[in-house]
Amino acid sequence: MIKLNKNQIYNLEDILFVFALEFEAKEMFNHTQKLVTGIGKVTAAISLTKAIIEKKPKLIINLGSAGGFGFKKGDVVCCTKFIQRDMDVRGLGFQKFETPLSNIPIILENGIEVENLPIGICGTGDSFETNHLNTEYNVIDMEAYALALVAWKENIPFVSLKYISDDANSDAADDWAVQVHLAAEAFKNIIFREEQVSN
């Protein structure tokens, strides 16, 4: 059993664990239903949609590395709100980050809180951000919004945990290359610690 909080407990076999990259999971999640999507919003959305049809999970847990603003490198942040940070159609009169004519909220609220973790707002885009200027979000990645949106449309509970690998500044690329390899261990300690607690 995996315990997310006092009201949310799931069987391990009912959970789909979703990563962008294999080395964010390593061998520590080989005993689970594990999906590696590849990088970017499109590949993430396609891969998750196919997996939902095949595996029919009762819970989706997205685990991955991310830039962070206001957090320390090595922190694990639970994201419960998501923004598509590279959607910009203000030239046609739409709001910043608004997907035109979609009825999708600008800030997509779709995430279960995990006990004892800080909460973040994730800005997802198909770019590696090295000059963070936007105040609307404080976690930066390349897949979570797409995953959260698919889960929202399919009405499947969703969790997104991000290991903060860099500060989304000029040193981000070097920091990410080092820190990303530590993510799997951090996720294992959180997810399977909760499994032990609930048994």
N, C-alpha and C. Protein backbone atom coordinates (compact mmCIF):
# COMPACT_ATOMS: atom_id res chain seq x y z
N MET A 1 0.84 -1.20 0.00
CA MET A 1 0.00 0.00 0.00
C MET A 1 0.88 1.25 0.00
N ILE A 2 0.46 2.25 -0.75
CA ILE A 2 1.13 3.54 -0.79
C ILE A 2 0.21 4.57 -0.15
N LYS A 3 0.68 5.20 0.92
CA LYS A 3 -0.10 6.21 1.61
C LYS A 3 0.40 7.59 1.23
N LEU A 4 -0.47 8.38 0.57
CA LEU A 4 -0.11 9.73 0.18
C LEU A 4 -0.42 10.73 1.29
N ASN A 5 -1.55 10.54 1.92
CA ASN A 5 -1.97 11.34 3.07
C ASN A 5 -3.03 10.52 3.81
N LYS A 6 -3.61 11.07 4.83
CA LYS A 6 -4.52 10.27 5.67
C LYS A 6 -5.77 9.81 4.92
N ASN A 7 -6.09 10.45 3.80
CA ASN A 7 -7.30 10.09 3.06
C ASN A 7 -7.02 9.38 1.74
N GLN A 8 -5.76 9.25 1.36
CA GLN A 8 -5.42 8.72 0.04
C GLN A 8 -4.43 7.57 0.18
N ILE A 9 -4.93 6.34 0.05
CA ILE A 9 -4.09 5.14 0.13
C ILE A 9 -4.41 4.26 -1.07
N TYR A 10 -3.36 3.78 -1.76
CA TYR A 10 -3.54 3.00 -2.99
C TYR A 10 -2.70 1.74 -2.94
N ASN A 11 -3.18 0.68 -3.60
CA ASN A 11 -2.38 -0.51 -3.81
C ASN A 11 -1.31 -0.22 -4.84
N LEU A 12 -0.12 -0.75 -4.62
CA LEU A 12 1.00 -0.49 -5.52
C LEU A 12 0.68 -0.91 -6.96
N GLU A 13 -0.02 -2.01 -7.11
CA GLU A 13 -0.31 -2.52 -8.46
C GLU A 13 -1.31 -1.66 -9.22
N ASP A 14 -1.98 -0.74 -8.53
CA ASP A 14 -2.95 0.14 -9.19
C ASP A 14 -2.34 1.47 -9.63
N ILE A 15 -1.05 1.65 -9.35
CA ILE A 15 -0.39 2.94 -9.61
C ILE A 15 0.49 2.84 -10.85
N LEU A 16 0.41 3.86 -11.69
CA LEU A 16 1.32 4.00 -12.82
C LEU A 16 2.32 5.10 -12.48
N PHE A 17 3.60 4.74 -12.41
CA PHE A 17 4.66 5.69 -12.14
C PHE A 17 5.21 6.21 -13.47
N VAL A 18 5.23 7.53 -13.64
CA VAL A 18 5.57 8.12 -14.92
C VAL A 18 6.82 9.00 -14.77
N PHE A 19 7.83 8.70 -15.59
CA PHE A 19 9.08 9.44 -15.62
C PHE A 19 9.34 9.92 -17.04
N ALA A 20 10.07 11.02 -17.17
CA ALA A 20 10.50 11.44 -18.50
C ALA A 20 11.71 10.64 -18.95
N LEU A 21 12.63 10.36 -18.02
CA LEU A 21 13.90 9.74 -18.34
C LEU A 21 14.15 8.52 -17.45
N GLU A 22 14.78 7.51 -18.02
CA GLU A 22 15.04 6.27 -17.29
C GLU A 22 15.90 6.52 -16.06
N PHE A 23 16.89 7.40 -16.15
CA PHE A 23 17.77 7.57 -15.00
C PHE A 23 17.14 8.42 -13.90
N GLU A 24 15.92 8.92 -14.08
CA GLU A 24 15.17 9.51 -12.97
C GLU A 24 14.50 8.43 -12.12
N ALA A 25 14.42 7.22 -12.67
CA ALA A 25 13.81 6.08 -11.97
C ALA A 25 14.86 5.06 -11.54
N LYS A 26 15.82 4.80 -12.44
CA LYS A 26 16.83 3.77 -12.25
C LYS A 26 16.15 2.43 -11.96
N GLU A 27 16.84 1.55 -11.26
CA GLU A 27 16.28 0.23 -10.98
C GLU A 27 15.34 0.24 -9.78
N MET A 28 15.21 1.40 -9.13
CA MET A 28 14.46 1.47 -7.88
C MET A 28 12.95 1.34 -8.09
N PHE A 29 12.49 1.47 -9.33
CA PHE A 29 11.05 1.36 -9.61
C PHE A 29 10.76 0.21 -10.58
N ASN A 30 11.70 -0.72 -10.72
CA ASN A 30 11.50 -1.83 -11.65
C ASN A 30 10.40 -2.78 -11.22
N HIS A 31 10.05 -2.78 -9.93
CA HIS A 31 9.01 -3.67 -9.43
C HIS A 31 7.62 -3.03 -9.52
N THR A 32 7.53 -1.87 -10.15
CA THR A 32 6.25 -1.16 -10.28
C THR A 32 5.81 -1.13 -11.74
N GLN A 33 4.60 -0.62 -11.95
CA GLN A 33 4.20 -0.27 -13.31
C GLN A 33 4.86 1.06 -13.65
N LYS A 34 5.88 1.02 -14.48
CA LYS A 34 6.71 2.18 -14.76
C LYS A 34 6.59 2.57 -16.23
N LEU A 35 6.40 3.86 -16.47
CA LEU A 35 6.34 4.39 -17.83
C LEU A 35 7.40 5.47 -17.98
N VAL A 36 8.24 5.35 -19.00
CA VAL A 36 9.22 6.38 -19.34
C VAL A 36 8.76 7.01 -20.65
N THR A 37 8.41 8.29 -20.59
CA THR A 37 7.75 8.93 -21.73
C THR A 37 8.70 9.55 -22.74
N GLY A 38 9.90 9.93 -22.31
CA GLY A 38 10.73 10.80 -23.12
C GLY A 38 10.44 12.25 -22.77
N ILE A 39 11.24 13.14 -23.33
CA ILE A 39 11.20 14.56 -22.97
C ILE A 39 10.17 15.32 -23.79
N GLY A 40 9.47 16.24 -23.16
CA GLY A 40 8.58 17.17 -23.85
C GLY A 40 7.11 16.85 -23.68
N LYS A 41 6.29 17.89 -23.90
CA LYS A 41 4.85 17.79 -23.67
C LYS A 41 4.17 16.80 -24.61
N VAL A 42 4.55 16.80 -25.86
CA VAL A 42 3.86 15.94 -26.84
C VAL A 42 4.13 14.48 -26.57
N THR A 43 5.41 14.11 -26.42
CA THR A 43 5.74 12.71 -26.17
C THR A 43 5.15 12.25 -24.84
N ALA A 44 5.14 13.14 -23.84
CA ALA A 44 4.57 12.79 -22.54
C ALA A 44 3.08 12.48 -22.66
N ALA A 45 2.35 13.34 -23.36
CA ALA A 45 0.90 13.17 -23.51
C ALA A 45 0.57 11.90 -24.29
N ILE A 46 1.29 11.67 -25.38
CA ILE A 46 1.04 10.47 -26.20
C ILE A 46 1.31 9.20 -25.39
N SER A 47 2.47 9.17 -24.73
CA SER A 47 2.86 7.97 -23.99
C SER A 47 1.89 7.67 -22.85
N LEU A 48 1.49 8.70 -22.12
CA LEU A 48 0.57 8.47 -21.01
C LEU A 48 -0.80 8.02 -21.50
N THR A 49 -1.29 8.61 -22.56
CA THR A 49 -2.59 8.22 -23.10
C THR A 49 -2.60 6.75 -23.50
N LYS A 50 -1.56 6.30 -24.19
CA LYS A 50 -1.45 4.89 -24.57
C LYS A 50 -1.40 3.99 -23.34
N ALA A 51 -0.65 4.40 -22.32
CA ALA A 51 -0.51 3.59 -21.12
C ALA A 51 -1.82 3.49 -20.35
N ILE A 52 -2.59 4.57 -20.32
CA ILE A 52 -3.89 4.54 -19.64
C ILE A 52 -4.81 3.52 -20.31
N ILE A 53 -4.83 3.50 -21.63
CA ILE A 53 -5.67 2.55 -22.36
C ILE A 53 -5.27 1.12 -22.04
N GLU A 54 -3.96 0.88 -21.97
CA GLU A 54 -3.45 -0.48 -21.76
C GLU A 54 -3.53 -0.92 -20.30
N LYS A 55 -3.13 -0.05 -19.37
CA LYS A 55 -2.94 -0.46 -17.98
C LYS A 55 -4.10 -0.07 -17.06
N LYS A 56 -4.89 0.91 -17.46
CA LYS A 56 -6.05 1.36 -16.68
C LYS A 56 -5.69 1.62 -15.20
N PRO A 57 -4.75 2.52 -14.95
CA PRO A 57 -4.35 2.78 -13.56
C PRO A 57 -5.43 3.51 -12.78
N LYS A 58 -5.41 3.33 -11.46
CA LYS A 58 -6.31 4.06 -10.57
C LYS A 58 -5.65 5.32 -10.01
N LEU A 59 -4.33 5.43 -10.18
CA LEU A 59 -3.57 6.59 -9.75
C LEU A 59 -2.36 6.75 -10.65
N ILE A 60 -2.06 7.98 -11.03
CA ILE A 60 -0.85 8.29 -11.80
C ILE A 60 0.07 9.12 -10.92
N ILE A 61 1.32 8.67 -10.78
CA ILE A 61 2.33 9.42 -10.04
C ILE A 61 3.44 9.81 -10.99
N ASN A 62 3.60 11.10 -11.21
CA ASN A 62 4.68 11.63 -12.03
C ASN A 62 5.85 11.99 -11.12
N LEU A 63 7.01 11.43 -11.41
CA LEU A 63 8.23 11.70 -10.66
C LEU A 63 9.29 12.20 -11.63
N GLY A 64 9.91 13.32 -11.32
CA GLY A 64 10.92 13.83 -12.24
C GLY A 64 11.72 14.98 -11.66
N SER A 65 12.74 15.35 -12.39
CA SER A 65 13.59 16.47 -11.99
C SER A 65 13.01 17.77 -12.52
N ALA A 66 13.35 18.87 -11.85
CA ALA A 66 12.81 20.17 -12.25
C ALA A 66 13.68 21.29 -11.69
N GLY A 67 13.60 22.42 -12.33
CA GLY A 67 14.17 23.62 -11.75
C GLY A 67 13.22 24.14 -10.68
N GLY A 68 13.76 24.92 -9.77
CA GLY A 68 12.92 25.45 -8.71
C GLY A 68 13.37 26.83 -8.29
N PHE A 69 12.40 27.64 -7.90
CA PHE A 69 12.67 28.99 -7.43
C PHE A 69 12.11 29.12 -6.02
N GLY A 70 12.98 29.38 -5.05
CA GLY A 70 12.54 29.45 -3.67
C GLY A 70 12.69 28.15 -2.92
N PHE A 71 13.26 27.13 -3.57
CA PHE A 71 13.53 25.85 -2.94
C PHE A 71 15.03 25.60 -2.97
N LYS A 72 15.48 24.59 -2.22
CA LYS A 72 16.88 24.19 -2.24
C LYS A 72 17.08 23.03 -3.21
N LYS A 73 18.24 22.97 -3.82
CA LYS A 73 18.58 21.80 -4.63
C LYS A 73 18.51 20.56 -3.76
N GLY A 74 17.83 19.54 -4.25
CA GLY A 74 17.64 18.32 -3.49
C GLY A 74 16.29 18.23 -2.81
N ASP A 75 15.54 19.34 -2.74
CA ASP A 75 14.19 19.29 -2.20
C ASP A 75 13.28 18.49 -3.13
N VAL A 76 12.29 17.82 -2.57
CA VAL A 76 11.22 17.21 -3.36
C VAL A 76 9.95 18.00 -3.10
N VAL A 77 9.36 18.52 -4.18
CA VAL A 77 8.20 19.40 -4.10
C VAL A 77 6.99 18.69 -4.71
N CYS A 78 5.86 18.81 -4.05
CA CYS A 78 4.61 18.25 -4.57
C CYS A 78 3.87 19.35 -5.33
N CYS A 79 3.71 19.16 -6.63
CA CYS A 79 3.02 20.16 -7.46
C CYS A 79 1.54 19.81 -7.57
N THR A 80 0.69 20.79 -7.28
CA THR A 80 -0.76 20.59 -7.33
C THR A 80 -1.44 21.52 -8.33
N LYS A 81 -0.66 22.44 -8.90
CA LYS A 81 -1.16 23.35 -9.92
C LYS A 81 -0.15 23.40 -11.06
N PHE A 82 -0.67 23.58 -12.30
CA PHE A 82 0.18 23.47 -13.48
C PHE A 82 -0.17 24.56 -14.48
N ILE A 83 0.88 25.11 -15.09
CA ILE A 83 0.76 26.16 -16.11
C ILE A 83 1.54 25.73 -17.35
N GLN A 84 0.96 25.97 -18.51
CA GLN A 84 1.69 25.74 -19.76
C GLN A 84 2.46 27.04 -20.07
N ARG A 85 3.72 27.09 -19.63
CA ARG A 85 4.47 28.35 -19.60
C ARG A 85 4.86 28.87 -20.98
N ASP A 86 4.83 28.03 -21.99
CA ASP A 86 5.18 28.52 -23.33
C ASP A 86 3.96 28.76 -24.22
N MET A 87 2.76 28.75 -23.62
CA MET A 87 1.55 29.12 -24.35
C MET A 87 1.35 30.62 -24.23
N ASP A 88 1.47 31.33 -25.34
CA ASP A 88 1.37 32.79 -25.31
C ASP A 88 0.65 33.28 -26.56
N VAL A 89 -0.64 33.54 -26.43
CA VAL A 89 -1.45 34.02 -27.54
C VAL A 89 -2.03 35.39 -27.19
N ARG A 90 -1.26 36.17 -26.44
CA ARG A 90 -1.71 37.51 -26.06
C ARG A 90 -1.87 38.41 -27.27
N GLY A 91 -1.16 38.11 -28.35
CA GLY A 91 -1.30 38.91 -29.57
C GLY A 91 -2.69 38.86 -30.17
N LEU A 92 -3.47 37.84 -29.82
CA LEU A 92 -4.85 37.72 -30.28
C LEU A 92 -5.86 38.08 -29.18
N GLY A 93 -5.35 38.62 -28.08
CA GLY A 93 -6.25 39.09 -27.02
C GLY A 93 -6.51 38.10 -25.91
N PHE A 94 -5.84 36.96 -25.93
CA PHE A 94 -6.01 35.99 -24.86
C PHE A 94 -5.05 36.31 -23.71
N GLN A 95 -5.32 35.73 -22.55
CA GLN A 95 -4.48 35.97 -21.39
C GLN A 95 -3.18 35.18 -21.48
N LYS A 96 -2.19 35.65 -20.74
CA LYS A 96 -0.92 34.94 -20.65
C LYS A 96 -1.16 33.50 -20.17
N PHE A 97 -0.59 32.55 -20.89
CA PHE A 97 -0.67 31.11 -20.62
C PHE A 97 -2.03 30.50 -20.97
N GLU A 98 -2.97 31.26 -21.47
CA GLU A 98 -4.29 30.73 -21.81
C GLU A 98 -4.24 29.96 -23.12
N THR A 99 -4.82 28.74 -23.12
CA THR A 99 -4.96 27.97 -24.35
C THR A 99 -6.26 28.41 -25.02
N PRO A 100 -6.19 29.05 -26.19
CA PRO A 100 -7.40 29.63 -26.79
C PRO A 100 -8.50 28.60 -27.04
N LEU A 101 -9.73 29.00 -26.74
CA LEU A 101 -10.94 28.26 -27.12
C LEU A 101 -10.95 26.82 -26.61
N SER A 102 -10.38 26.60 -25.43
CA SER A 102 -10.21 25.23 -24.94
C SER A 102 -11.03 24.90 -23.70
N ASN A 103 -11.47 25.90 -22.96
CA ASN A 103 -12.12 25.71 -21.66
C ASN A 103 -11.21 25.03 -20.63
N ILE A 104 -9.91 25.08 -20.88
CA ILE A 104 -8.93 24.58 -19.90
C ILE A 104 -8.50 25.76 -19.04
N PRO A 105 -8.56 25.63 -17.72
CA PRO A 105 -8.13 26.75 -16.86
C PRO A 105 -6.69 27.15 -17.14
N ILE A 106 -6.39 28.43 -17.01
CA ILE A 106 -5.01 28.89 -17.19
C ILE A 106 -4.11 28.22 -16.18
N ILE A 107 -4.55 28.15 -14.94
CA ILE A 107 -3.85 27.38 -13.91
C ILE A 107 -4.65 26.11 -13.68
N LEU A 108 -4.10 25.00 -14.12
CA LEU A 108 -4.78 23.71 -14.01
C LEU A 108 -4.53 23.14 -12.62
N GLU A 109 -5.58 23.05 -11.82
CA GLU A 109 -5.47 22.48 -10.48
C GLU A 109 -5.81 21.01 -10.55
N ASN A 110 -4.79 20.18 -10.43
CA ASN A 110 -5.01 18.74 -10.51
C ASN A 110 -3.84 18.02 -9.86
N GLY A 111 -3.91 17.83 -8.57
CA GLY A 111 -2.84 17.12 -7.91
C GLY A 111 -3.18 16.84 -6.46
N ILE A 112 -2.89 15.63 -6.02
CA ILE A 112 -3.09 15.24 -4.64
C ILE A 112 -1.88 15.70 -3.84
N GLU A 113 -2.12 16.27 -2.68
CA GLU A 113 -1.02 16.66 -1.80
C GLU A 113 -0.46 15.44 -1.08
N VAL A 114 0.86 15.40 -0.98
CA VAL A 114 1.54 14.34 -0.23
C VAL A 114 2.01 14.94 1.08
N GLU A 115 1.72 14.25 2.17
CA GLU A 115 2.05 14.76 3.49
C GLU A 115 3.53 15.08 3.63
N ASN A 116 3.82 16.17 4.33
CA ASN A 116 5.17 16.56 4.71
C ASN A 116 6.05 17.02 3.56
N LEU A 117 5.44 17.35 2.43
CA LEU A 117 6.21 17.90 1.31
C LEU A 117 5.75 19.32 1.01
N PRO A 118 6.68 20.21 0.62
CA PRO A 118 6.27 21.55 0.21
C PRO A 118 5.44 21.49 -1.07
N ILE A 119 4.57 22.47 -1.26
CA ILE A 119 3.67 22.53 -2.41
C ILE A 119 4.21 23.54 -3.43
N GLY A 120 4.13 23.18 -4.70
CA GLY A 120 4.60 24.08 -5.74
C GLY A 120 3.61 24.21 -6.89
N ILE A 121 3.83 25.24 -7.70
CA ILE A 121 3.10 25.45 -8.96
C ILE A 121 4.09 25.21 -10.08
N CYS A 122 3.78 24.26 -10.94
CA CYS A 122 4.72 23.84 -11.98
C CYS A 122 4.42 24.52 -13.31
N GLY A 123 5.42 25.16 -13.87
CA GLY A 123 5.34 25.72 -15.21
C GLY A 123 6.04 24.80 -16.19
N THR A 124 5.28 24.24 -17.14
CA THR A 124 5.80 23.27 -18.10
C THR A 124 5.93 23.91 -19.46
N GLY A 125 7.05 23.64 -20.13
CA GLY A 125 7.24 24.15 -21.48
C GLY A 125 8.30 23.36 -22.21
N ASP A 126 8.31 23.48 -23.52
CA ASP A 126 9.29 22.76 -24.34
C ASP A 126 10.57 23.57 -24.50
N SER A 127 11.10 24.01 -23.36
CA SER A 127 12.39 24.69 -23.34
C SER A 127 13.01 24.46 -21.97
N PHE A 128 14.33 24.49 -21.92
CA PHE A 128 15.06 24.37 -20.66
C PHE A 128 15.31 25.77 -20.15
N GLU A 129 14.60 26.15 -19.10
CA GLU A 129 14.62 27.53 -18.64
C GLU A 129 15.89 27.83 -17.84
N THR A 130 16.62 28.87 -18.26
CA THR A 130 17.85 29.26 -17.58
C THR A 130 17.83 30.72 -17.12
N ASN A 131 16.67 31.35 -17.24
CA ASN A 131 16.54 32.75 -16.82
C ASN A 131 15.12 32.96 -16.31
N HIS A 132 14.84 32.41 -15.13
CA HIS A 132 13.47 32.39 -14.60
C HIS A 132 13.03 33.81 -14.23
N LEU A 133 11.95 34.27 -14.90
CA LEU A 133 11.43 35.61 -14.67
C LEU A 133 9.97 35.62 -14.23
N ASN A 134 9.23 34.57 -14.57
CA ASN A 134 7.80 34.54 -14.28
C ASN A 134 7.55 34.25 -12.80
N THR A 135 6.63 35.01 -12.22
CA THR A 135 6.29 34.82 -10.81
C THR A 135 5.09 33.89 -10.62
N GLU A 136 4.45 33.50 -11.70
CA GLU A 136 3.23 32.69 -11.60
C GLU A 136 3.52 31.25 -11.18
N TYR A 137 4.73 30.77 -11.39
CA TYR A 137 5.09 29.40 -11.04
C TYR A 137 6.48 29.39 -10.42
N ASN A 138 6.73 28.37 -9.59
CA ASN A 138 8.02 28.28 -8.91
C ASN A 138 8.73 26.94 -9.11
N VAL A 139 8.16 26.08 -9.94
CA VAL A 139 8.79 24.82 -10.35
C VAL A 139 8.75 24.78 -11.87
N ILE A 140 9.83 24.35 -12.50
CA ILE A 140 9.96 24.44 -13.95
C ILE A 140 10.34 23.08 -14.52
N ASP A 141 9.49 22.53 -15.42
CA ASP A 141 9.82 21.26 -16.05
C ASP A 141 9.34 21.26 -17.50
N MET A 142 9.34 20.06 -18.12
CA MET A 142 9.00 19.96 -19.54
C MET A 142 7.90 18.94 -19.83
N GLU A 143 7.27 18.36 -18.80
CA GLU A 143 6.25 17.34 -19.04
C GLU A 143 5.01 17.41 -18.16
N ALA A 144 5.12 17.92 -16.94
CA ALA A 144 4.07 17.70 -15.94
C ALA A 144 2.71 18.27 -16.34
N TYR A 145 2.68 19.44 -16.96
CA TYR A 145 1.38 20.01 -17.36
C TYR A 145 0.65 19.05 -18.29
N ALA A 146 1.36 18.50 -19.26
CA ALA A 146 0.73 17.58 -20.22
C ALA A 146 0.20 16.35 -19.51
N LEU A 147 0.96 15.82 -18.58
CA LEU A 147 0.52 14.64 -17.82
C LEU A 147 -0.68 14.97 -16.95
N ALA A 148 -0.62 16.11 -16.27
CA ALA A 148 -1.74 16.54 -15.43
C ALA A 148 -3.00 16.74 -16.25
N LEU A 149 -2.85 17.29 -17.45
CA LEU A 149 -4.01 17.53 -18.31
C LEU A 149 -4.65 16.23 -18.78
N VAL A 150 -3.84 15.27 -19.18
CA VAL A 150 -4.38 13.97 -19.60
C VAL A 150 -5.10 13.31 -18.43
N ALA A 151 -4.48 13.31 -17.25
CA ALA A 151 -5.12 12.71 -16.08
C ALA A 151 -6.43 13.41 -15.74
N TRP A 152 -6.44 14.75 -15.85
CA TRP A 152 -7.64 15.54 -15.58
C TRP A 152 -8.76 15.19 -16.54
N LYS A 153 -8.43 15.09 -17.82
CA LYS A 153 -9.45 14.77 -18.82
C LYS A 153 -9.96 13.33 -18.67
N GLU A 154 -9.09 12.43 -18.20
CA GLU A 154 -9.48 11.03 -18.03
C GLU A 154 -10.03 10.75 -16.63
N ASN A 155 -10.05 11.79 -15.77
CA ASN A 155 -10.60 11.68 -14.41
C ASN A 155 -9.88 10.61 -13.58
N ILE A 156 -8.54 10.64 -13.67
CA ILE A 156 -7.70 9.73 -12.90
C ILE A 156 -6.92 10.55 -11.88
N PRO A 157 -6.96 10.19 -10.61
CA PRO A 157 -6.18 10.93 -9.61
C PRO A 157 -4.71 11.03 -10.00
N PHE A 158 -4.10 12.15 -9.65
CA PHE A 158 -2.76 12.48 -10.16
C PHE A 158 -1.90 13.05 -9.04
N VAL A 159 -0.65 12.62 -9.00
CA VAL A 159 0.35 13.15 -8.08
C VAL A 159 1.58 13.53 -8.90
N SER A 160 2.17 14.67 -8.61
CA SER A 160 3.39 15.07 -9.28
C SER A 160 4.42 15.52 -8.25
N LEU A 161 5.51 14.76 -8.15
CA LEU A 161 6.60 15.09 -7.25
C LEU A 161 7.83 15.45 -8.07
N LYS A 162 8.43 16.59 -7.76
CA LYS A 162 9.58 17.08 -8.52
C LYS A 162 10.79 17.23 -7.62
N TYR A 163 11.88 16.63 -8.05
CA TYR A 163 13.16 16.75 -7.38
C TYR A 163 13.85 18.00 -7.92
N ILE A 164 14.13 18.95 -7.06
CA ILE A 164 14.70 20.22 -7.51
C ILE A 164 16.19 20.04 -7.81
N SER A 165 16.52 20.14 -9.08
CA SER A 165 17.89 19.88 -9.54
C SER A 165 18.68 21.16 -9.79
N ASP A 166 17.97 22.29 -9.96
CA ASP A 166 18.67 23.53 -10.30
C ASP A 166 17.76 24.71 -9.98
N ASP A 167 18.31 25.90 -10.12
CA ASP A 167 17.59 27.13 -9.79
C ASP A 167 17.02 27.84 -11.02
N ALA A 168 17.01 27.17 -12.17
CA ALA A 168 16.53 27.76 -13.43
C ALA A 168 17.27 29.06 -13.75
N ASN A 169 18.58 29.06 -13.46
CA ASN A 169 19.39 30.24 -13.74
C ASN A 169 20.51 29.87 -14.70
N SER A 170 21.54 30.68 -14.79
CA SER A 170 22.60 30.45 -15.76
C SER A 170 23.42 29.20 -15.49
N ASP A 171 23.35 28.67 -14.25
CA ASP A 171 24.07 27.45 -13.90
C ASP A 171 23.19 26.21 -14.00
N ALA A 172 21.98 26.37 -14.51
CA ALA A 172 20.98 25.30 -14.46
C ALA A 172 21.44 24.03 -15.16
N ALA A 173 22.03 24.16 -16.33
CA ALA A 173 22.42 22.97 -17.10
C ALA A 173 23.45 22.15 -16.36
N ASP A 174 24.47 22.79 -15.80
CA ASP A 174 25.50 22.07 -15.05
C ASP A 174 24.92 21.44 -13.79
N ASP A 175 24.08 22.19 -13.07
CA ASP A 175 23.47 21.67 -11.86
C ASP A 175 22.59 20.47 -12.16
N TRP A 176 21.78 20.56 -13.22
CA TRP A 176 20.87 19.48 -13.57
C TRP A 176 21.63 18.20 -13.88
N ALA A 177 22.71 18.31 -14.62
CA ALA A 177 23.48 17.13 -15.01
C ALA A 177 24.00 16.35 -13.81
N VAL A 178 24.29 17.06 -12.72
CA VAL A 178 24.77 16.41 -11.51
C VAL A 178 23.60 15.91 -10.67
N GLN A 179 22.63 16.77 -10.42
CA GLN A 179 21.56 16.49 -9.46
C GLN A 179 20.55 15.45 -9.95
N VAL A 180 20.31 15.38 -11.26
CA VAL A 180 19.25 14.50 -11.77
C VAL A 180 19.50 13.05 -11.39
N HIS A 181 20.74 12.66 -11.26
CA HIS A 181 21.04 11.27 -10.93
C HIS A 181 20.71 10.92 -9.48
N LEU A 182 20.44 11.92 -8.65
CA LEU A 182 20.09 11.70 -7.25
C LEU A 182 18.58 11.60 -7.05
N ALA A 183 17.82 11.89 -8.10
CA ALA A 183 16.37 11.97 -7.97
C ALA A 183 15.74 10.63 -7.59
N ALA A 184 16.17 9.55 -8.23
CA ALA A 184 15.54 8.25 -7.99
C ALA A 184 15.62 7.84 -6.53
N GLU A 185 16.77 8.06 -5.92
CA GLU A 185 16.94 7.71 -4.50
C GLU A 185 16.00 8.53 -3.63
N ALA A 186 15.87 9.81 -3.93
CA ALA A 186 14.98 10.67 -3.16
C ALA A 186 13.53 10.22 -3.29
N PHE A 187 13.11 9.87 -4.51
CA PHE A 187 11.74 9.41 -4.72
C PHE A 187 11.48 8.09 -4.00
N LYS A 188 12.44 7.18 -4.08
CA LYS A 188 12.30 5.89 -3.40
C LYS A 188 12.09 6.10 -1.91
N ASN A 189 12.87 6.99 -1.32
CA ASN A 189 12.78 7.21 0.12
C ASN A 189 11.43 7.78 0.53
N ILE A 190 10.80 8.55 -0.34
CA ILE A 190 9.49 9.12 -0.03
C ILE A 190 8.38 8.11 -0.30
N ILE A 191 8.34 7.55 -1.50
CA ILE A 191 7.23 6.68 -1.91
C ILE A 191 7.21 5.40 -1.09
N PHE A 192 8.35 4.75 -0.96
CA PHE A 192 8.35 3.44 -0.32
C PHE A 192 8.49 3.54 1.20
N ARG A 193 8.89 4.68 1.70
CA ARG A 193 8.76 4.93 3.14
C ARG A 193 7.28 4.96 3.50
N GLU A 194 6.49 5.65 2.65
CA GLU A 194 5.04 5.70 2.90
C GLU A 194 4.42 4.32 2.78
N GLU A 195 4.95 3.49 1.88
CA GLU A 195 4.44 2.12 1.74
C GLU A 195 4.68 1.36 3.03
N GLN A 196 5.86 1.50 3.60
CA GLN A 196 6.16 0.78 4.83
C GLN A 196 5.30 1.27 6.00
N VAL A 197 5.09 2.60 6.05
CA VAL A 197 4.29 3.17 7.14
C VAL A 197 2.86 2.63 7.11
N SER A 198 2.31 2.44 5.89
CA SER A 198 0.90 2.06 5.79
C SER A 198 0.69 0.55 5.91
N ASN A 199 1.76 -0.24 5.91
CA ASN A 199 1.61 -1.70 6.05
C ASN A 199 1.44 -2.11 7.50
